[in-house]
Amino acid sequence: MSRPLAIVDYGVGNLRSAQKAFEHLGQAAEITSDPDRIASAPAVVLPGQGAFGTCMQNLTAAGLVEPVVQAARSGRPFLGICVGMQLLFEESEESPGVRGLGLFGGRVVRFPRDPELKVPHMGWNQLRIARRVPALSQLRDGDWVYFVHSYHPLPADPEVVTTTTSYGLDFVSSVGRDNVWAGVFHPEKSQRVGLRLLAGFVGTLS
């Protein structure tokens, strides 16, 4: 079996679901909080669930901020999922004063307060492909994926946008640059489409 990729364990997220999805594709994946394992893995996955501030606090307390940033800058494939994607930005309205990882310029904002719009945005919705990247190589424009979130990113650089989704407004649902790709939805909960997406990501491993 291939060398295991690292799923970063910092006390949040449904880690086992992500691990099982990769294993279904024949890609070994280990859940780890060991900086050395993260540094040596062929690829790194940063999941996330809950509040932006709590996730950053947990990541900091576990001593994993620098290992995660270095992994993203190493050129190895790097995947952010849900709040794990939001943490890649500089800050979030959800947790004023808390600094994110700053790997992408911009901030994360809440969906507009609208009586016609249920927040969190929960359930299946479509991806509109803005720019093809390897992780999206097996997806079709309009494919459905599973969302559970109240916040979405506003990237400073529009060139990093890879998909958008419509929910009261057109919001950025995934971003990518070089070796890093991240989505605010859950590929591990998105059934066949999610497996195709993860297969595209696995295909970037050398």
C-alpha atoms as a PDB file:
ATOM      1  CA  MET A   1       0.000   0.000   0.000  1.00  0.00           C
ATOM      2  CA  SER A   2       1.118   3.588  -0.638  1.00  0.00           C
ATOM      3  CA  ARG A   3       2.752   5.636   2.101  1.00  0.00           C
ATOM      4  CA  PRO A   4       0.040   7.136   4.330  1.00  0.00           C
ATOM      5  CA  LEU A   5      -0.917  10.747   3.919  1.00  0.00           C
ATOM      6  CA  ALA A   6      -1.388  12.697   7.159  1.00  0.00           C
ATOM      7  CA  ILE A   7      -4.798  13.822   8.423  1.00  0.00           C
ATOM      8  CA  VAL A   8      -4.021  16.471  11.029  1.00  0.00           C
ATOM      9  CA  ASP A   9      -5.546  15.663  14.418  1.00  0.00           C
ATOM     10  CA  TYR A  10      -6.002  18.743  16.597  1.00  0.00           C
ATOM     11  CA  GLY A  11      -9.125  17.688  18.433  1.00  0.00           C
ATOM     12  CA  VAL A  12     -11.758  18.766  15.905  1.00  0.00           C
ATOM     13  CA  GLY A  13     -13.489  17.324  12.869  1.00  0.00           C
ATOM     14  CA  ASN A  14     -14.815  13.959  11.794  1.00  0.00           C
ATOM     15  CA  LEU A  15     -11.381  12.516  11.100  1.00  0.00           C
ATOM     16  CA  ARG A  16     -12.362   8.895  10.680  1.00  0.00           C
ATOM     17  CA  SER A  17     -14.773   9.701   7.837  1.00  0.00           C
ATOM     18  CA  ALA A  18     -11.980  11.363   5.877  1.00  0.00           C
ATOM     19  CA  GLN A  19      -9.625   8.481   6.613  1.00  0.00           C
ATOM     20  CA  LYS A  20     -12.186   5.907   5.436  1.00  0.00           C
ATOM     21  CA  ALA A  21     -12.806   7.829   2.217  1.00  0.00           C
ATOM     22  CA  PHE A  22      -9.113   7.782   1.335  1.00  0.00           C
ATOM     23  CA  GLU A  23      -8.812   4.106   2.266  1.00  0.00           C
ATOM     24  CA  HIS A  24     -11.762   3.347  -0.031  1.00  0.00           C
ATOM     25  CA  LEU A  25      -9.626   4.764  -2.852  1.00  0.00           C
ATOM     26  CA  GLY A  26      -6.676   2.576  -1.874  1.00  0.00           C
ATOM     27  CA  GLN A  27      -4.757   5.489  -0.376  1.00  0.00           C
ATOM     28  CA  ALA A  28      -3.435   4.880   3.133  1.00  0.00           C
ATOM     29  CA  ALA A  29      -4.159   7.732   5.533  1.00  0.00           C
ATOM     30  CA  GLU A  30      -3.183   8.158   9.165  1.00  0.00           C
ATOM     31  CA  ILE A  31      -4.707  10.462  11.746  1.00  0.00           C
ATOM     32  CA  THR A  32      -1.818  12.144  13.528  1.00  0.00           C
ATOM     33  CA  SER A  33      -0.818  15.068  15.724  1.00  0.00           C
ATOM     34  CA  ASP A  34       2.901  14.256  15.396  1.00  0.00           C
ATOM     35  CA  PRO A  35       4.773  17.116  13.656  1.00  0.00           C
ATOM     36  CA  ASP A  36       7.381  14.676  12.329  1.00  0.00           C
ATOM     37  CA  ARG A  37       4.713  12.497  10.715  1.00  0.00           C
ATOM     38  CA  ILE A  38       3.128  15.578   9.170  1.00  0.00           C
ATOM     39  CA  ALA A  39       6.529  16.726   7.892  1.00  0.00           C
ATOM     40  CA  SER A  40       7.324  13.376   6.265  1.00  0.00           C
ATOM     41  CA  ALA A  41       3.899  12.498   4.830  1.00  0.00           C
ATOM     42  CA  PRO A  42       3.491  12.589   1.036  1.00  0.00           C
ATOM     43  CA  ALA A  43       0.385  14.776   1.452  1.00  0.00           C
ATOM     44  CA  VAL A  44      -1.402  16.548   4.294  1.00  0.00           C
ATOM     45  CA  VAL A  45      -5.124  17.015   5.008  1.00  0.00           C
ATOM     46  CA  LEU A  46      -6.353  19.737   7.382  1.00  0.00           C
ATOM     47  CA  PRO A  47      -9.967  19.014   8.407  1.00  0.00           C
ATOM     48  CA  GLY A  48     -12.075  21.264  10.608  1.00  0.00           C
ATOM     49  CA  GLN A  49     -15.387  21.426  12.399  1.00  0.00           C
ATOM     50  CA  GLY A  50     -16.879  24.000  14.759  1.00  0.00           C
ATOM     51  CA  ALA A  51     -15.806  27.606  15.302  1.00  0.00           C
ATOM     52  CA  PHE A  52     -12.853  29.300  13.604  1.00  0.00           C
ATOM     53  CA  GLY A  53     -11.467  30.598  16.915  1.00  0.00           C
ATOM     54  CA  THR A  54     -11.711  27.262  18.676  1.00  0.00           C
ATOM     55  CA  CYS A  55     -10.005  25.492  15.790  1.00  0.00           C
ATOM     56  CA  MET A  56      -7.123  27.985  15.777  1.00  0.00           C
ATOM     57  CA  GLN A  57      -6.845  27.715  19.568  1.00  0.00           C
ATOM     58  CA  ASN A  58      -6.664  23.921  19.370  1.00  0.00           C
ATOM     59  CA  LEU A  59      -4.153  24.015  16.525  1.00  0.00           C
ATOM     60  CA  THR A  60      -1.971  26.412  18.506  1.00  0.00           C
ATOM     61  CA  ALA A  61      -2.259  24.429  21.741  1.00  0.00           C
ATOM     62  CA  ALA A  62      -1.222  21.262  19.905  1.00  0.00           C
ATOM     63  CA  GLY A  63       1.893  23.004  18.538  1.00  0.00           C
ATOM     64  CA  LEU A  64       0.745  22.367  14.981  1.00  0.00           C
ATOM     65  CA  VAL A  65       0.489  25.847  13.455  1.00  0.00           C
ATOM     66  CA  GLU A  66       4.054  25.875  12.132  1.00  0.00           C
ATOM     67  CA  PRO A  67       4.022  22.216  10.949  1.00  0.00           C
ATOM     68  CA  VAL A  68       0.780  22.840   9.040  1.00  0.00           C
ATOM     69  CA  VAL A  69       2.054  26.069   7.477  1.00  0.00           C
ATOM     70  CA  GLN A  70       5.322  24.388   6.490  1.00  0.00           C
ATOM     71  CA  ALA A  71       3.416  21.465   4.982  1.00  0.00           C
ATOM     72  CA  ALA A  72       1.364  23.846   2.846  1.00  0.00           C
ATOM     73  CA  ARG A  73       4.519  25.644   1.713  1.00  0.00           C
ATOM     74  CA  SER A  74       6.482  22.468   1.053  1.00  0.00           C
ATOM     75  CA  GLY A  75       5.062  21.780  -2.394  1.00  0.00           C
ATOM     76  CA  ARG A  76       3.452  18.529  -1.220  1.00  0.00           C
ATOM     77  CA  PRO A  77      -0.279  18.118  -1.938  1.00  0.00           C
ATOM     78  CA  PHE A  78      -2.283  19.860   0.779  1.00  0.00           C
ATOM     79  CA  LEU A  79      -6.060  19.660   1.256  1.00  0.00           C
ATOM     80  CA  GLY A  80      -8.231  21.819   3.529  1.00  0.00           C
ATOM     81  CA  ILE A  81     -11.767  20.707   4.420  1.00  0.00           C
ATOM     82  CA  CYS A  82     -14.601  22.921   5.756  1.00  0.00           C
ATOM     83  CA  VAL A  83     -13.237  24.973   8.685  1.00  0.00           C
ATOM     84  CA  GLY A  84      -9.832  23.599   7.699  1.00  0.00           C
ATOM     85  CA  MET A  85     -10.279  25.633   4.522  1.00  0.00           C
ATOM     86  CA  GLN A  86     -11.396  28.739   6.423  1.00  0.00           C
ATOM     87  CA  LEU A  87      -8.296  28.590   8.649  1.00  0.00           C
ATOM     88  CA  LEU A  88      -6.107  29.104   5.575  1.00  0.00           C
ATOM     89  CA  PHE A  89      -7.300  32.732   5.402  1.00  0.00           C
ATOM     90  CA  GLU A  90      -6.200  35.663   7.537  1.00  0.00           C
ATOM     91  CA  GLU A  91      -9.248  36.109   9.760  1.00  0.00           C
ATOM     92  CA  SER A  92     -12.932  35.344  10.228  1.00  0.00           C
ATOM     93  CA  GLU A  93     -15.947  37.373  11.307  1.00  0.00           C
ATOM     94  CA  GLU A  94     -16.844  34.423  13.513  1.00  0.00           C
ATOM     95  CA  SER A  95     -13.873  35.031  15.825  1.00  0.00           C
ATOM     96  CA  PRO A  96     -12.805  38.706  15.811  1.00  0.00           C
ATOM     97  CA  GLY A  97      -9.180  39.251  16.752  1.00  0.00           C
ATOM     98  CA  VAL A  98      -8.127  35.660  16.002  1.00  0.00           C
ATOM     99  CA  ARG A  99      -5.527  35.359  13.278  1.00  0.00           C
ATOM    100  CA  GLY A 100      -5.808  32.533  10.798  1.00  0.00           C
ATOM    101  CA  LEU A 101      -2.918  30.792   9.076  1.00  0.00           C
ATOM    102  CA  GLY A 102      -2.720  33.485   6.390  1.00  0.00           C
ATOM    103  CA  LEU A 103      -1.826  31.152   3.528  1.00  0.00           C
ATOM    104  CA  PHE A 104      -4.442  32.932   1.426  1.00  0.00           C
ATOM    105  CA  GLY A 105      -5.093  36.652   1.630  1.00  0.00           C
ATOM    106  CA  GLY A 106      -8.619  37.642   2.605  1.00  0.00           C
ATOM    107  CA  ARG A 107     -11.150  36.935   5.301  1.00  0.00           C
ATOM    108  CA  VAL A 108     -14.086  34.678   6.087  1.00  0.00           C
ATOM    109  CA  VAL A 109     -17.558  36.198   6.448  1.00  0.00           C
ATOM    110  CA  ARG A 110     -21.004  35.032   7.543  1.00  0.00           C
ATOM    111  CA  PHE A 111     -23.869  34.570   5.111  1.00  0.00           C
ATOM    112  CA  PRO A 112     -26.148  37.621   5.063  1.00  0.00           C
ATOM    113  CA  ARG A 113     -28.833  37.766   7.739  1.00  0.00           C
ATOM    114  CA  ASP A 114     -31.933  37.187   5.627  1.00  0.00           C
ATOM    115  CA  PRO A 115     -35.241  35.675   6.851  1.00  0.00           C
ATOM    116  CA  GLU A 116     -35.464  33.824   3.527  1.00  0.00           C
ATOM    117  CA  LEU A 117     -32.020  32.241   3.966  1.00  0.00           C
ATOM    118  CA  LYS A 118     -31.483  29.444   6.456  1.00  0.00           C
ATOM    119  CA  VAL A 119     -28.072  29.581   8.120  1.00  0.00           C
ATOM    120  CA  PRO A 120     -26.150  27.362   8.436  1.00  0.00           C
ATOM    121  CA  HIS A 121     -26.195  26.416   4.776  1.00  0.00           C
ATOM    122  CA  MET A 122     -26.779  22.691   5.193  1.00  0.00           C
ATOM    123  CA  GLY A 123     -27.307  19.988   2.619  1.00  0.00           C
ATOM    124  CA  TRP A 124     -26.527  19.347  -1.031  1.00  0.00           C
ATOM    125  CA  ASN A 125     -25.623  22.096  -3.459  1.00  0.00           C
ATOM    126  CA  GLN A 126     -23.824  22.467  -6.765  1.00  0.00           C
ATOM    127  CA  LEU A 127     -20.266  23.410  -7.649  1.00  0.00           C
ATOM    128  CA  ARG A 128     -19.658  25.782 -10.537  1.00  0.00           C
ATOM    129  CA  ILE A 129     -16.120  25.329 -11.758  1.00  0.00           C
ATOM    130  CA  ALA A 130     -14.294  28.635 -12.114  1.00  0.00           C
ATOM    131  CA  ARG A 131     -10.837  27.182 -12.733  1.00  0.00           C
ATOM    132  CA  ARG A 132      -9.727  23.606 -13.283  1.00  0.00           C
ATOM    133  CA  VAL A 133      -7.134  22.244 -10.869  1.00  0.00           C
ATOM    134  CA  PRO A 134      -6.003  18.622 -10.343  1.00  0.00           C
ATOM    135  CA  ALA A 135      -8.404  18.023  -7.436  1.00  0.00           C
ATOM    136  CA  LEU A 136     -11.309  18.880  -9.769  1.00  0.00           C
ATOM    137  CA  SER A 137     -10.038  16.794 -12.686  1.00  0.00           C
ATOM    138  CA  GLN A 138     -12.773  14.160 -12.302  1.00  0.00           C
ATOM    139  CA  LEU A 139     -15.656  16.534 -11.535  1.00  0.00           C
ATOM    140  CA  ARG A 140     -18.245  17.980 -13.877  1.00  0.00           C
ATOM    141  CA  ASP A 141     -19.570  21.511 -13.699  1.00  0.00           C
ATOM    142  CA  GLY A 142     -22.770  21.363 -11.652  1.00  0.00           C
ATOM    143  CA  ASP A 143     -21.848  18.310  -9.562  1.00  0.00           C
ATOM    144  CA  TRP A 144     -23.521  18.174  -6.138  1.00  0.00           C
ATOM    145  CA  VAL A 145     -21.585  18.104  -2.845  1.00  0.00           C
ATOM    146  CA  TYR A 146     -22.523  18.283   0.829  1.00  0.00           C
ATOM    147  CA  PHE A 147     -22.266  21.509   2.847  1.00  0.00           C
ATOM    148  CA  VAL A 148     -22.612  22.381   6.542  1.00  0.00           C
ATOM    149  CA  HIS A 149     -21.365  25.933   7.181  1.00  0.00           C
ATOM    150  CA  SER A 150     -22.370  29.471   8.115  1.00  0.00           C
ATOM    151  CA  TYR A 151     -19.267  31.254   6.801  1.00  0.00           C
ATOM    152  CA  HIS A 152     -17.535  31.528   3.448  1.00  0.00           C
ATOM    153  CA  PRO A 153     -14.284  33.137   2.297  1.00  0.00           C
ATOM    154  CA  LEU A 154     -13.718  36.409   0.485  1.00  0.00           C
ATOM    155  CA  PRO A 155     -10.301  35.854  -1.095  1.00  0.00           C
ATOM    156  CA  ALA A 156      -8.150  38.927  -1.713  1.00  0.00           C
ATOM    157  CA  ASP A 157      -6.964  37.400  -5.007  1.00  0.00           C
ATOM    158  CA  PRO A 158      -9.780  36.275  -7.339  1.00  0.00           C
ATOM    159  CA  GLU A 159      -7.277  34.077  -9.173  1.00  0.00           C
ATOM    160  CA  VAL A 160      -7.343  31.518  -6.330  1.00  0.00           C
ATOM    161  CA  VAL A 161     -11.073  30.785  -6.779  1.00  0.00           C
ATOM    162  CA  THR A 162     -11.662  27.296  -8.188  1.00  0.00           C
ATOM    163  CA  THR A 163     -15.412  26.835  -7.600  1.00  0.00           C
ATOM    164  CA  THR A 164     -18.405  28.919  -6.633  1.00  0.00           C
ATOM    165  CA  THR A 165     -21.817  27.902  -5.307  1.00  0.00           C
ATOM    166  CA  SER A 166     -25.140  29.748  -5.184  1.00  0.00           C
ATOM    167  CA  TYR A 167     -26.970  30.166  -1.873  1.00  0.00           C
ATOM    168  CA  GLY A 168     -28.662  33.531  -1.638  1.00  0.00           C
ATOM    169  CA  LEU A 169     -25.534  34.835  -3.372  1.00  0.00           C
ATOM    170  CA  ASP A 170     -22.712  33.317  -5.360  1.00  0.00           C
ATOM    171  CA  PHE A 171     -20.039  32.452  -2.794  1.00  0.00           C
ATOM    172  CA  VAL A 172     -16.555  30.977  -3.109  1.00  0.00           C
ATOM    173  CA  SER A 173     -16.796  27.271  -2.260  1.00  0.00           C
ATOM    174  CA  SER A 174     -13.200  26.249  -3.008  1.00  0.00           C
ATOM    175  CA  VAL A 175      -9.811  27.812  -3.588  1.00  0.00           C
ATOM    176  CA  GLY A 176      -6.493  26.591  -4.871  1.00  0.00           C
ATOM    177  CA  ARG A 177      -2.957  27.731  -5.541  1.00  0.00           C
ATOM    178  CA  ASP A 178       0.046  25.604  -6.473  1.00  0.00           C
ATOM    179  CA  ASN A 179      -0.047  22.487  -4.238  1.00  0.00           C
ATOM    180  CA  VAL A 180      -2.840  23.720  -1.946  1.00  0.00           C
ATOM    181  CA  TRP A 181      -6.539  23.115  -2.591  1.00  0.00           C
ATOM    182  CA  ALA A 182      -9.357  23.590  -0.087  1.00  0.00           C
ATOM    183  CA  GLY A 183     -13.156  23.479  -0.062  1.00  0.00           C
ATOM    184  CA  VAL A 184     -15.727  24.746   2.426  1.00  0.00           C
ATOM    185  CA  PHE A 185     -17.859  21.647   1.784  1.00  0.00           C
ATOM    186  CA  HIS A 186     -17.268  18.037   2.896  1.00  0.00           C
ATOM    187  CA  PRO A 187     -15.901  15.734   0.176  1.00  0.00           C
ATOM    188  CA  GLU A 188     -15.839  12.835   2.661  1.00  0.00           C
ATOM    189  CA  LYS A 189     -19.651  13.204   3.005  1.00  0.00           C
ATOM    190  CA  SER A 190     -20.309  13.824  -0.688  1.00  0.00           C
ATOM    191  CA  GLN A 191     -20.621  10.203  -1.796  1.00  0.00           C
ATOM    192  CA  ARG A 192     -19.513   9.450  -5.364  1.00  0.00           C
ATOM    193  CA  VAL A 193     -18.672  13.045  -6.252  1.00  0.00           C
ATOM    194  CA  GLY A 194     -16.625  13.415  -3.085  1.00  0.00           C
ATOM    195  CA  LEU A 195     -14.707  10.234  -3.860  1.00  0.00           C
ATOM    196  CA  ARG A 196     -13.978  11.511  -7.374  1.00  0.00           C
ATOM    197  CA  LEU A 197     -12.693  14.748  -5.884  1.00  0.00           C
ATOM    198  CA  LEU A 198     -10.474  12.939  -3.386  1.00  0.00           C
ATOM    199  CA  ALA A 199      -9.261  10.675  -6.207  1.00  0.00           C
ATOM    200  CA  GLY A 200      -8.210  13.785  -8.115  1.00  0.00           C
ATOM    201  CA  PHE A 201      -6.307  14.963  -5.063  1.00  0.00           C
ATOM    202  CA  VAL A 202      -4.671  11.549  -4.561  1.00  0.00           C
ATOM    203  CA  GLY A 203      -3.649  11.628  -8.211  1.00  0.00           C
ATOM    204  CA  THR A 204      -1.329  14.563  -7.462  1.00  0.00           C
ATOM    205  CA  LEU A 205       0.803  12.446  -5.105  1.00  0.00           C
ATOM    206  CA  SER A 206       4.173  11.540  -6.580  1.00  0.00           C
END
